[in-house]
Amino acid sequence: MEQKLSKEEINKDRLFAKLAELSEEMVEDHGKDFAMGALVLAAQWIAKGESGPPQTGARH
């Protein structure tokens, strides 16, 4: 039996695929530690409810 995905589920799958692609690119370019750190910072940014682009001038 095949279940049809809702539009929301299809959209979430699309976004997870984009996130996976970006994560793989970060790991390839800068390693696992960078990728995990960037994703944790993104999660914190979301949790704090901050909006707009990240601050510029950050030191890397």
Protein backbone atom coordinates (compact mmCIF):
# COMPACT_ATOMS: atom_id res chain seq x y z
CA MET A 1 0.00 0.00 0.00
CA GLU A 2 1.41 3.36 -1.03
CA GLN A 3 0.66 6.48 0.98
CA LYS A 4 0.50 9.81 -0.76
CA LEU A 5 2.56 12.55 0.88
CA SER A 6 0.91 15.83 1.75
CA LYS A 7 2.21 19.10 0.30
CA GLU A 8 3.72 19.89 3.70
CA GLU A 9 5.55 16.55 3.83
CA ILE A 10 6.85 17.02 0.29
CA ASN A 11 8.10 20.49 1.18
CA LYS A 12 9.78 19.23 4.37
CA ASP A 13 11.51 16.46 2.38
CA ARG A 14 12.75 19.06 -0.11
CA LEU A 15 14.14 21.23 2.68
CA PHE A 16 15.81 18.25 4.41
CA ALA A 17 17.47 17.38 1.08
CA LYS A 18 18.79 20.96 0.79
CA LEU A 19 20.04 20.84 4.38
CA ALA A 20 21.79 17.53 3.73
CA GLU A 21 23.45 18.92 0.60
CA LEU A 22 24.65 22.03 2.45
CA SER A 23 25.88 19.92 5.37
CA GLU A 24 27.86 17.67 3.04
CA GLU A 25 29.40 20.71 1.36
CA MET A 26 30.43 22.21 4.72
CA VAL A 27 32.01 18.91 5.80
CA GLU A 28 33.91 18.58 2.51
CA ASP A 29 35.17 22.18 2.61
CA HIS A 30 35.87 22.66 6.31
CA GLY A 31 35.41 19.37 8.18
CA LYS A 32 32.89 17.85 10.58
CA ASP A 33 33.64 20.19 13.48
CA PHE A 34 32.87 23.28 11.41
CA ALA A 35 29.68 21.78 9.97
CA MET A 36 28.37 20.69 13.37
CA GLY A 37 29.27 24.02 14.94
CA ALA A 38 27.55 25.96 12.19
CA LEU A 39 24.40 23.86 12.51
CA VAL A 40 24.36 24.27 16.30
CA LEU A 41 24.74 28.03 15.93
CA ALA A 42 21.90 28.04 13.42
CA ALA A 43 19.70 26.08 15.85
CA GLN A 44 20.51 28.56 18.62
CA TRP A 45 19.70 31.47 16.31
CA ILE A 46 16.32 29.88 15.53
CA ALA A 47 15.62 29.08 19.20
CA LYS A 48 16.27 32.69 20.19
CA GLY A 49 13.76 33.83 17.58
CA GLU A 50 16.24 36.16 15.94
CA SER A 51 15.34 37.42 12.52
CA GLY A 52 17.20 38.98 9.66
CA PRO A 53 20.61 38.07 8.33
CA PRO A 54 23.37 37.11 10.76
CA GLN A 55 25.61 39.92 11.96
CA THR A 56 28.47 40.79 9.67
CA GLY A 57 32.03 41.21 10.76
CA ALA A 58 32.13 37.98 12.73
CA ARG A 59 35.60 36.57 13.21
CA HIS A 60 36.18 33.07 11.88
